[in-house]
Amino acid sequence: MDTTDPIDLPELASPGYEPAAQGEQAELERSALELTPVFDVPVHIKAVLGRASMDVASLLKLGSGSLIELDRKVGEAIDIYVNNRLVARGELVEVEDRLGVTMTEIIKDGDSQ
Protein backbone atom coordinates (compact mmCIF):
# COMPACT_ATOMS: atom_id res chain seq x y z
CA MET A 1 0.00 0.00 0.00
CA ASP A 2 1.27 3.47 -0.89
CA THR A 3 1.65 5.69 2.19
CA THR A 4 -0.27 8.50 0.47
CA ASP A 5 -3.42 6.39 0.18
CA PRO A 6 -6.14 7.43 2.65
CA ILE A 7 -7.00 4.88 5.31
CA ASP A 8 -10.72 4.15 5.56
CA LEU A 9 -11.88 3.42 9.11
CA PRO A 10 -15.66 3.14 8.76
CA GLU A 11 -16.04 1.39 12.11
CA LEU A 12 -14.80 4.57 13.86
CA ALA A 13 -17.05 6.96 11.95
CA SER A 14 -20.49 8.11 13.10
CA PRO A 15 -23.48 6.49 11.37
CA GLY A 16 -24.07 8.25 8.07
CA TYR A 17 -20.57 9.80 8.09
CA GLU A 18 -19.01 10.43 4.71
CA PRO A 19 -15.67 12.20 4.29
CA ALA A 20 -15.99 15.72 2.89
CA ALA A 21 -14.95 16.14 -0.72
CA GLN A 22 -12.24 18.73 -1.37
CA GLY A 23 -14.82 21.30 -2.54
CA GLU A 24 -16.96 20.64 0.54
CA GLN A 25 -13.90 21.06 2.77
CA ALA A 26 -13.18 24.45 1.21
CA GLU A 27 -16.82 25.45 1.81
CA LEU A 28 -16.56 24.39 5.47
CA GLU A 29 -13.40 26.47 5.89
CA ARG A 30 -15.10 29.45 4.25
CA SER A 31 -18.11 29.04 6.58
CA ALA A 32 -15.81 28.95 9.61
CA LEU A 33 -14.10 32.16 8.48
CA GLU A 34 -17.50 33.87 8.20
CA LEU A 35 -18.06 33.12 11.91
CA THR A 36 -14.91 35.02 12.94
CA PRO A 37 -16.89 38.12 14.11
CA VAL A 38 -18.73 36.06 16.78
CA PHE A 39 -15.67 34.28 18.19
CA ASP A 40 -15.39 36.86 21.00
CA VAL A 41 -19.07 36.71 22.02
CA PRO A 42 -19.18 35.37 25.59
CA VAL A 43 -21.34 32.34 26.34
CA HIS A 44 -22.33 30.85 29.69
CA ILE A 45 -21.39 27.15 30.00
CA LYS A 46 -22.71 25.03 32.84
CA ALA A 47 -21.84 21.39 33.57
CA VAL A 48 -24.47 19.92 35.91
CA LEU A 49 -23.19 17.10 38.09
CA GLY A 50 -26.60 16.45 39.61
CA ARG A 51 -29.52 18.02 41.43
CA ALA A 52 -30.97 17.90 44.92
CA SER A 53 -34.03 19.33 46.63
CA MET A 54 -34.26 20.30 50.29
CA ASP A 55 -36.24 22.62 52.48
CA VAL A 56 -34.79 25.84 53.86
CA ALA A 57 -34.43 24.40 57.38
CA SER A 58 -32.19 21.60 56.05
CA LEU A 59 -30.23 24.08 53.95
CA LEU A 60 -29.53 26.25 57.01
CA LYS A 61 -28.17 23.22 58.89
CA LEU A 62 -25.44 22.61 56.28
CA GLY A 63 -21.91 23.31 57.34
CA SER A 64 -18.37 22.48 56.33
CA GLY A 65 -18.16 18.78 55.50
CA SER A 66 -21.93 18.38 55.02
CA LEU A 67 -23.00 15.89 52.39
CA ILE A 68 -25.70 16.63 49.81
CA GLU A 69 -26.98 13.58 47.96
CA LEU A 70 -27.46 14.24 44.24
CA ASP A 71 -29.80 12.49 41.82
CA ARG A 72 -26.90 10.99 39.82
CA LYS A 73 -24.63 8.05 40.45
CA VAL A 74 -20.85 7.95 40.04
CA GLY A 75 -20.02 7.35 36.39
CA GLU A 76 -23.34 8.64 35.01
CA ALA A 77 -23.23 11.26 32.26
CA ILE A 78 -23.43 14.90 33.25
CA ASP A 79 -25.46 17.52 31.37
CA ILE A 80 -23.69 20.40 29.61
CA TYR A 81 -25.65 23.59 29.03
CA VAL A 82 -24.71 26.59 26.88
CA ASN A 83 -26.74 29.70 27.66
CA ASN A 84 -29.21 27.53 29.64
CA ARG A 85 -29.81 25.18 26.70
CA LEU A 86 -28.88 21.50 26.96
CA VAL A 87 -26.34 20.91 24.18
CA ALA A 88 -24.34 17.86 25.24
CA ARG A 89 -23.66 15.15 27.78
CA GLY A 90 -20.23 14.34 29.07
CA GLU A 91 -17.99 12.84 31.71
CA LEU A 92 -15.79 14.40 34.38
CA VAL A 93 -12.07 14.10 33.75
CA GLU A 94 -9.01 15.16 35.70
CA VAL A 95 -6.65 17.52 33.90
CA GLU A 96 -3.47 17.93 35.95
CA ASP A 97 -4.84 19.11 39.33
CA ARG A 98 -8.19 20.39 38.00
CA LEU A 99 -11.51 18.93 36.92
CA GLY A 100 -12.69 19.13 33.33
CA VAL A 101 -15.50 17.78 31.21
CA THR A 102 -15.20 15.76 28.04
CA MET A 103 -18.23 15.74 25.75
CA THR A 104 -19.44 12.26 24.89
CA GLU A 105 -22.73 13.08 23.17
CA ILE A 106 -24.02 16.13 21.31
CA ILE A 107 -27.73 16.75 21.84
CA LYS A 108 -29.64 17.58 18.68
CA ASP A 109 -32.83 19.68 18.76
CA GLY A 110 -35.66 17.62 20.16
CA ASP A 111 -33.34 14.98 21.71
CA SER A 112 -33.27 16.54 25.18
CA GLN A 113 -35.55 14.97 27.75
C-alpha atoms as a PDB file:
ATOM      1  CA  MET A   1       0.000   0.000   0.000  1.00  0.00           C
ATOM      2  CA  ASP A   2       1.274   3.467  -0.895  1.00  0.00           C
ATOM      3  CA  THR A   3       1.652   5.688   2.194  1.00  0.00           C
ATOM      4  CA  THR A   4      -0.266   8.496   0.466  1.00  0.00           C
ATOM      5  CA  ASP A   5      -3.424   6.387   0.178  1.00  0.00           C
ATOM      6  CA  PRO A   6      -6.143   7.432   2.652  1.00  0.00           C
ATOM      7  CA  ILE A   7      -7.003   4.876   5.306  1.00  0.00           C
ATOM      8  CA  ASP A   8     -10.721   4.150   5.560  1.00  0.00           C
ATOM      9  CA  LEU A   9     -11.881   3.418   9.107  1.00  0.00           C
ATOM     10  CA  PRO A  10     -15.662   3.144   8.756  1.00  0.00           C
ATOM     11  CA  GLU A  11     -16.036   1.394  12.110  1.00  0.00           C
ATOM     12  CA  LEU A  12     -14.805   4.570  13.861  1.00  0.00           C
ATOM     13  CA  ALA A  13     -17.048   6.959  11.952  1.00  0.00           C
ATOM     14  CA  SER A  14     -20.488   8.108  13.103  1.00  0.00           C
ATOM     15  CA  PRO A  15     -23.477   6.490  11.368  1.00  0.00           C
ATOM     16  CA  GLY A  16     -24.067   8.247   8.072  1.00  0.00           C
ATOM     17  CA  TYR A  17     -20.571   9.800   8.093  1.00  0.00           C
ATOM     18  CA  GLU A  18     -19.011  10.430   4.709  1.00  0.00           C
ATOM     19  CA  PRO A  19     -15.674  12.201   4.286  1.00  0.00           C
ATOM     20  CA  ALA A  20     -15.987  15.715   2.891  1.00  0.00           C
ATOM     21  CA  ALA A  21     -14.945  16.137  -0.722  1.00  0.00           C
ATOM     22  CA  GLN A  22     -12.237  18.732  -1.375  1.00  0.00           C
ATOM     23  CA  GLY A  23     -14.822  21.303  -2.536  1.00  0.00           C
ATOM     24  CA  GLU A  24     -16.959  20.642   0.542  1.00  0.00           C
ATOM     25  CA  GLN A  25     -13.901  21.056   2.772  1.00  0.00           C
ATOM     26  CA  ALA A  26     -13.177  24.449   1.213  1.00  0.00           C
ATOM     27  CA  GLU A  27     -16.821  25.448   1.807  1.00  0.00           C
ATOM     28  CA  LEU A  28     -16.565  24.389   5.474  1.00  0.00           C
ATOM     29  CA  GLU A  29     -13.403  26.466   5.894  1.00  0.00           C
ATOM     30  CA  ARG A  30     -15.096  29.447   4.246  1.00  0.00           C
ATOM     31  CA  SER A  31     -18.110  29.044   6.576  1.00  0.00           C
ATOM     32  CA  ALA A  32     -15.814  28.954   9.609  1.00  0.00           C
ATOM     33  CA  LEU A  33     -14.103  32.164   8.477  1.00  0.00           C
ATOM     34  CA  GLU A  34     -17.502  33.866   8.200  1.00  0.00           C
ATOM     35  CA  LEU A  35     -18.057  33.122  11.905  1.00  0.00           C
ATOM     36  CA  THR A  36     -14.912  35.018  12.938  1.00  0.00           C
ATOM     37  CA  PRO A  37     -16.890  38.117  14.113  1.00  0.00           C
ATOM     38  CA  VAL A  38     -18.728  36.061  16.777  1.00  0.00           C
ATOM     39  CA  PHE A  39     -15.669  34.277  18.194  1.00  0.00           C
ATOM     40  CA  ASP A  40     -15.387  36.865  21.002  1.00  0.00           C
ATOM     41  CA  VAL A  41     -19.065  36.705  22.021  1.00  0.00           C
ATOM     42  CA  PRO A  42     -19.183  35.366  25.594  1.00  0.00           C
ATOM     43  CA  VAL A  43     -21.344  32.336  26.343  1.00  0.00           C
ATOM     44  CA  HIS A  44     -22.334  30.851  29.694  1.00  0.00           C
ATOM     45  CA  ILE A  45     -21.390  27.154  29.996  1.00  0.00           C
ATOM     46  CA  LYS A  46     -22.711  25.028  32.835  1.00  0.00           C
ATOM     47  CA  ALA A  47     -21.838  21.386  33.571  1.00  0.00           C
ATOM     48  CA  VAL A  48     -24.474  19.924  35.907  1.00  0.00           C
ATOM     49  CA  LEU A  49     -23.185  17.102  38.093  1.00  0.00           C
ATOM     50  CA  GLY A  50     -26.604  16.445  39.612  1.00  0.00           C
ATOM     51  CA  ARG A  51     -29.515  18.016  41.432  1.00  0.00           C
ATOM     52  CA  ALA A  52     -30.972  17.904  44.919  1.00  0.00           C
ATOM     53  CA  SER A  53     -34.032  19.333  46.634  1.00  0.00           C
ATOM     54  CA  MET A  54     -34.257  20.305  50.291  1.00  0.00           C
ATOM     55  CA  ASP A  55     -36.238  22.616  52.479  1.00  0.00           C
ATOM     56  CA  VAL A  56     -34.792  25.840  53.861  1.00  0.00           C
ATOM     57  CA  ALA A  57     -34.432  24.397  57.378  1.00  0.00           C
ATOM     58  CA  SER A  58     -32.188  21.596  56.048  1.00  0.00           C
ATOM     59  CA  LEU A  59     -30.229  24.075  53.953  1.00  0.00           C
ATOM     60  CA  LEU A  60     -29.531  26.252  57.007  1.00  0.00           C
ATOM     61  CA  LYS A  61     -28.169  23.215  58.892  1.00  0.00           C
ATOM     62  CA  LEU A  62     -25.443  22.611  56.280  1.00  0.00           C
ATOM     63  CA  GLY A  63     -21.914  23.307  57.344  1.00  0.00           C
ATOM     64  CA  SER A  64     -18.374  22.481  56.329  1.00  0.00           C
ATOM     65  CA  GLY A  65     -18.159  18.775  55.501  1.00  0.00           C
ATOM     66  CA  SER A  66     -21.926  18.376  55.019  1.00  0.00           C
ATOM     67  CA  LEU A  67     -22.999  15.893  52.388  1.00  0.00           C
ATOM     68  CA  ILE A  68     -25.697  16.635  49.805  1.00  0.00           C
ATOM     69  CA  GLU A  69     -26.979  13.584  47.960  1.00  0.00           C
ATOM     70  CA  LEU A  70     -27.458  14.243  44.236  1.00  0.00           C
ATOM     71  CA  ASP A  71     -29.796  12.488  41.820  1.00  0.00           C
ATOM     72  CA  ARG A  72     -26.900  10.985  39.819  1.00  0.00           C
ATOM     73  CA  LYS A  73     -24.628   8.050  40.446  1.00  0.00           C
ATOM     74  CA  VAL A  74     -20.850   7.954  40.042  1.00  0.00           C
ATOM     75  CA  GLY A  75     -20.025   7.352  36.389  1.00  0.00           C
ATOM     76  CA  GLU A  76     -23.337   8.644  35.011  1.00  0.00           C
ATOM     77  CA  ALA A  77     -23.233  11.255  32.260  1.00  0.00           C
ATOM     78  CA  ILE A  78     -23.435  14.899  33.253  1.00  0.00           C
ATOM     79  CA  ASP A  79     -25.459  17.517  31.370  1.00  0.00           C
ATOM     80  CA  ILE A  80     -23.694  20.397  29.606  1.00  0.00           C
ATOM     81  CA  TYR A  81     -25.654  23.589  29.027  1.00  0.00           C
ATOM     82  CA  VAL A  82     -24.707  26.589  26.879  1.00  0.00           C
ATOM     83  CA  ASN A  83     -26.745  29.700  27.657  1.00  0.00           C
ATOM     84  CA  ASN A  84     -29.208  27.535  29.640  1.00  0.00           C
ATOM     85  CA  ARG A  85     -29.811  25.184  26.702  1.00  0.00           C
ATOM     86  CA  LEU A  86     -28.878  21.500  26.964  1.00  0.00           C
ATOM     87  CA  VAL A  87     -26.341  20.911  24.179  1.00  0.00           C
ATOM     88  CA  ALA A  88     -24.337  17.860  25.239  1.00  0.00           C
ATOM     89  CA  ARG A  89     -23.657  15.150  27.776  1.00  0.00           C
ATOM     90  CA  GLY A  90     -20.229  14.341  29.067  1.00  0.00           C
ATOM     91  CA  GLU A  91     -17.989  12.838  31.708  1.00  0.00           C
ATOM     92  CA  LEU A  92     -15.789  14.398  34.377  1.00  0.00           C
ATOM     93  CA  VAL A  93     -12.068  14.098  33.747  1.00  0.00           C
ATOM     94  CA  GLU A  94      -9.009  15.161  35.702  1.00  0.00           C
ATOM     95  CA  VAL A  95      -6.650  17.517  33.899  1.00  0.00           C
ATOM     96  CA  GLU A  96      -3.475  17.925  35.954  1.00  0.00           C
ATOM     97  CA  ASP A  97      -4.838  19.114  39.327  1.00  0.00           C
ATOM     98  CA  ARG A  98      -8.192  20.391  38.000  1.00  0.00           C
ATOM     99  CA  LEU A  99     -11.510  18.932  36.920  1.00  0.00           C
ATOM    100  CA  GLY A 100     -12.692  19.127  33.328  1.00  0.00           C
ATOM    101  CA  VAL A 101     -15.497  17.776  31.205  1.00  0.00           C
ATOM    102  CA  THR A 102     -15.202  15.757  28.041  1.00  0.00           C
ATOM    103  CA  MET A 103     -18.231  15.738  25.755  1.00  0.00           C
ATOM    104  CA  THR A 104     -19.440  12.259  24.887  1.00  0.00           C
ATOM    105  CA  GLU A 105     -22.728  13.080  23.170  1.00  0.00           C
ATOM    106  CA  ILE A 106     -24.021  16.135  21.309  1.00  0.00           C
ATOM    107  CA  ILE A 107     -27.732  16.749  21.844  1.00  0.00           C
ATOM    108  CA  LYS A 108     -29.642  17.582  18.678  1.00  0.00           C
ATOM    109  CA  ASP A 109     -32.833  19.685  18.758  1.00  0.00           C
ATOM    110  CA  GLY A 110     -35.658  17.616  20.159  1.00  0.00           C
ATOM    111  CA  ASP A 111     -33.338  14.979  21.707  1.00  0.00           C
ATOM    112  CA  SER A 112     -33.268  16.535  25.183  1.00  0.00           C
ATOM    113  CA  GLN A 113     -35.549  14.973  27.748  1.00  0.00           C
END
